[in-house]
Amino acid sequence: MMAKAARAAAAWKTYREVTRPGSPPLMTRVRAIPRMLGAVMRGQYAGMGKGKLALMGLGVVYLISPIDVIPDFLMLIGVADDFGVFLWLMASLIGESGRYVQQEREVIQGRLDEV
């Protein structure tokens, strides 16, 4: 029960972050994910470490893997653990990509101020 509440809280936090005035919109965040991942791999974005990126990669592997901690044939429980990992993964990516977009905007604004 606590895990469901934590997943719901994470989803709500992400929704609030995306809808906050002045915050990058959802599609801007989604389009920024590949750039962010590349910047993390090149060491150009310190906001997210390679350890967290590896943990996200494990989440993706867990979602596509036919092996589950709780088998999917236990319908409600088996699907809930996959959904929980999916929610965590999406909340993490969307939240972090928003911070990445903000950093990109600050860098661009800094360059414009220098001119």
C-alpha atoms as a PDB file:
ATOM      1  CA  MET A   1       0.000   0.000   0.000  1.00  0.00           C
ATOM      2  CA  MET A   2       2.851   2.406   0.824  1.00  0.00           C
ATOM      3  CA  ALA A   3       4.495   1.713  -2.537  1.00  0.00           C
ATOM      4  CA  LYS A   4       1.301   2.694  -4.367  1.00  0.00           C
ATOM      5  CA  ALA A   5       1.116   5.923  -2.376  1.00  0.00           C
ATOM      6  CA  ALA A   6       4.759   6.698  -3.174  1.00  0.00           C
ATOM      7  CA  ARG A   7       4.174   6.119  -6.900  1.00  0.00           C
ATOM      8  CA  ALA A   8       1.082   8.311  -6.832  1.00  0.00           C
ATOM      9  CA  ALA A   9       3.008  11.025  -4.996  1.00  0.00           C
ATOM     10  CA  ALA A  10       5.822  10.881  -7.559  1.00  0.00           C
ATOM     11  CA  ALA A  11       3.335  11.162 -10.424  1.00  0.00           C
ATOM     12  CA  TRP A  12       1.612  14.108  -8.723  1.00  0.00           C
ATOM     13  CA  LYS A  13       4.957  15.844  -8.097  1.00  0.00           C
ATOM     14  CA  THR A  14       5.884  15.457 -11.763  1.00  0.00           C
ATOM     15  CA  TYR A  15       2.497  16.808 -12.874  1.00  0.00           C
ATOM     16  CA  ARG A  16       2.857  19.831 -10.580  1.00  0.00           C
ATOM     17  CA  GLU A  17       6.391  20.470 -11.829  1.00  0.00           C
ATOM     18  CA  VAL A  18       5.357  20.320 -15.497  1.00  0.00           C
ATOM     19  CA  THR A  19       2.355  22.606 -15.004  1.00  0.00           C
ATOM     20  CA  ARG A  20       4.169  25.196 -12.866  1.00  0.00           C
ATOM     21  CA  PRO A  21       4.205  28.639 -14.539  1.00  0.00           C
ATOM     22  CA  GLY A  22       7.519  29.321 -16.281  1.00  0.00           C
ATOM     23  CA  SER A  23       8.448  25.638 -16.272  1.00  0.00           C
ATOM     24  CA  PRO A  24       9.354  23.951 -19.569  1.00  0.00           C
ATOM     25  CA  PRO A  25       6.282  22.302 -21.121  1.00  0.00           C
ATOM     26  CA  LEU A  26       5.979  18.527 -21.322  1.00  0.00           C
ATOM     27  CA  MET A  27       6.886  18.120 -25.006  1.00  0.00           C
ATOM     28  CA  THR A  28       9.935  20.373 -24.614  1.00  0.00           C
ATOM     29  CA  ARG A  29      11.066  18.098 -21.788  1.00  0.00           C
ATOM     30  CA  VAL A  30      10.431  14.949 -23.831  1.00  0.00           C
ATOM     31  CA  ARG A  31      12.388  16.302 -26.810  1.00  0.00           C
ATOM     32  CA  ALA A  32      15.262  17.246 -24.482  1.00  0.00           C
ATOM     33  CA  ILE A  33      15.700  13.699 -23.110  1.00  0.00           C
ATOM     34  CA  PRO A  34      18.059  12.465 -25.896  1.00  0.00           C
ATOM     35  CA  ARG A  35      20.180  15.644 -25.602  1.00  0.00           C
ATOM     36  CA  MET A  36      20.288  15.274 -21.832  1.00  0.00           C
ATOM     37  CA  LEU A  37      21.325  11.617 -22.004  1.00  0.00           C
ATOM     38  CA  GLY A  38      24.089  12.486 -24.457  1.00  0.00           C
ATOM     39  CA  ALA A  39      25.288  15.342 -22.245  1.00  0.00           C
ATOM     40  CA  VAL A  40      25.376  13.034 -19.216  1.00  0.00           C
ATOM     41  CA  MET A  41      27.393  10.446 -21.140  1.00  0.00           C
ATOM     42  CA  ARG A  42      29.868  13.119 -22.304  1.00  0.00           C
ATOM     43  CA  GLY A  43      30.140  14.546 -18.774  1.00  0.00           C
ATOM     44  CA  GLN A  44      28.673  17.893 -19.853  1.00  0.00           C
ATOM     45  CA  TYR A  45      25.660  17.816 -17.504  1.00  0.00           C
ATOM     46  CA  ALA A  46      26.479  17.450 -13.841  1.00  0.00           C
ATOM     47  CA  GLY A  47      22.832  17.522 -12.752  1.00  0.00           C
ATOM     48  CA  MET A  48      22.518  13.775 -13.273  1.00  0.00           C
ATOM     49  CA  GLY A  49      25.277  11.285 -12.598  1.00  0.00           C
ATOM     50  CA  LYS A  50      26.115   8.206 -14.583  1.00  0.00           C
ATOM     51  CA  GLY A  51      24.985   6.106 -11.600  1.00  0.00           C
ATOM     52  CA  LYS A  52      21.429   7.408 -11.869  1.00  0.00           C
ATOM     53  CA  LEU A  53      21.563   6.944 -15.620  1.00  0.00           C
ATOM     54  CA  ALA A  54      22.619   3.322 -15.099  1.00  0.00           C
ATOM     55  CA  LEU A  55      19.749   2.825 -12.644  1.00  0.00           C
ATOM     56  CA  MET A  56      17.328   4.173 -15.249  1.00  0.00           C
ATOM     57  CA  GLY A  57      18.826   1.793 -17.798  1.00  0.00           C
ATOM     58  CA  LEU A  58      18.176  -1.085 -15.405  1.00  0.00           C
ATOM     59  CA  GLY A  59      14.586   0.137 -15.117  1.00  0.00           C
ATOM     60  CA  VAL A  60      14.193  -0.023 -18.894  1.00  0.00           C
ATOM     61  CA  VAL A  61      15.724  -3.514 -18.957  1.00  0.00           C
ATOM     62  CA  TYR A  62      13.325  -4.607 -16.197  1.00  0.00           C
ATOM     63  CA  LEU A  63      10.341  -3.299 -18.169  1.00  0.00           C
ATOM     64  CA  ILE A  64      11.254  -5.064 -21.408  1.00  0.00           C
ATOM     65  CA  SER A  65      12.586  -8.217 -19.769  1.00  0.00           C
ATOM     66  CA  PRO A  66      10.332 -11.298 -19.720  1.00  0.00           C
ATOM     67  CA  ILE A  67      11.633 -12.033 -16.204  1.00  0.00           C
ATOM     68  CA  ASP A  68       9.796 -10.173 -13.420  1.00  0.00           C
ATOM     69  CA  VAL A  69      10.105 -10.011  -9.667  1.00  0.00           C
ATOM     70  CA  ILE A  70       6.343 -10.515  -9.534  1.00  0.00           C
ATOM     71  CA  PRO A  71       5.066 -12.504 -12.548  1.00  0.00           C
ATOM     72  CA  ASP A  72       2.480 -10.808 -14.768  1.00  0.00           C
ATOM     73  CA  PHE A  73       0.135 -13.791 -14.560  1.00  0.00           C
ATOM     74  CA  LEU A  74      -0.709 -12.536 -11.035  1.00  0.00           C
ATOM     75  CA  MET A  75      -2.730  -9.919 -12.898  1.00  0.00           C
ATOM     76  CA  LEU A  76      -3.156  -6.936 -10.622  1.00  0.00           C
ATOM     77  CA  ILE A  77       0.018  -7.337  -8.575  1.00  0.00           C
ATOM     78  CA  GLY A  78       2.227  -8.423 -11.479  1.00  0.00           C
ATOM     79  CA  VAL A  79       1.293  -5.464 -13.628  1.00  0.00           C
ATOM     80  CA  ALA A  80       1.471  -3.022 -10.704  1.00  0.00           C
ATOM     81  CA  ASP A  81       5.192  -3.574 -10.149  1.00  0.00           C
ATOM     82  CA  ASP A  82       5.896  -2.919 -13.843  1.00  0.00           C
ATOM     83  CA  PHE A  83       3.710   0.166 -13.725  1.00  0.00           C
ATOM     84  CA  GLY A  84       5.546   1.376 -10.628  1.00  0.00           C
ATOM     85  CA  VAL A  85       8.910   1.076 -12.367  1.00  0.00           C
ATOM     86  CA  PHE A  86       7.445   2.822 -15.432  1.00  0.00           C
ATOM     87  CA  LEU A  87       6.101   5.699 -13.303  1.00  0.00           C
ATOM     88  CA  TRP A  88       9.419   6.112 -11.508  1.00  0.00           C
ATOM     89  CA  LEU A  89      11.309   6.065 -14.801  1.00  0.00           C
ATOM     90  CA  MET A  90       9.037   8.609 -16.487  1.00  0.00           C
ATOM     91  CA  ALA A  91       8.907  10.889 -13.431  1.00  0.00           C
ATOM     92  CA  SER A  92      12.701  10.811 -13.185  1.00  0.00           C
ATOM     93  CA  LEU A  93      13.262  11.474 -16.890  1.00  0.00           C
ATOM     94  CA  ILE A  94      10.630  14.207 -17.171  1.00  0.00           C
ATOM     95  CA  GLY A  95      11.760  15.928 -13.977  1.00  0.00           C
ATOM     96  CA  GLU A  96      15.446  15.797 -14.820  1.00  0.00           C
ATOM     97  CA  SER A  97      14.891  16.873 -18.428  1.00  0.00           C
ATOM     98  CA  GLY A  98      13.063  19.946 -17.133  1.00  0.00           C
ATOM     99  CA  ARG A  99      16.103  20.883 -15.056  1.00  0.00           C
ATOM    100  CA  TYR A 100      18.304  20.212 -18.094  1.00  0.00           C
ATOM    101  CA  VAL A 101      16.193  22.533 -20.286  1.00  0.00           C
ATOM    102  CA  GLN A 102      16.413  25.225 -17.614  1.00  0.00           C
ATOM    103  CA  GLN A 103      20.207  24.860 -17.592  1.00  0.00           C
ATOM    104  CA  GLU A 104      20.298  25.083 -21.410  1.00  0.00           C
ATOM    105  CA  ARG A 105      18.243  28.277 -21.243  1.00  0.00           C
ATOM    106  CA  GLU A 106      20.584  29.768 -18.630  1.00  0.00           C
ATOM    107  CA  VAL A 107      23.652  28.953 -20.746  1.00  0.00           C
ATOM    108  CA  ILE A 108      22.063  30.492 -23.837  1.00  0.00           C
ATOM    109  CA  GLN A 109      20.977  33.580 -21.862  1.00  0.00           C
ATOM    110  CA  GLY A 110      24.510  33.904 -20.453  1.00  0.00           C
ATOM    111  CA  ARG A 111      25.967  33.812 -23.957  1.00  0.00           C
ATOM    112  CA  LEU A 112      23.495  36.479 -25.123  1.00  0.00           C
ATOM    113  CA  ASP A 113      24.379  38.683 -22.157  1.00  0.00           C
ATOM    114  CA  GLU A 114      28.081  38.479 -23.098  1.00  0.00           C
ATOM    115  CA  VAL A 115      27.390  39.879 -26.564  1.00  0.00           C
END
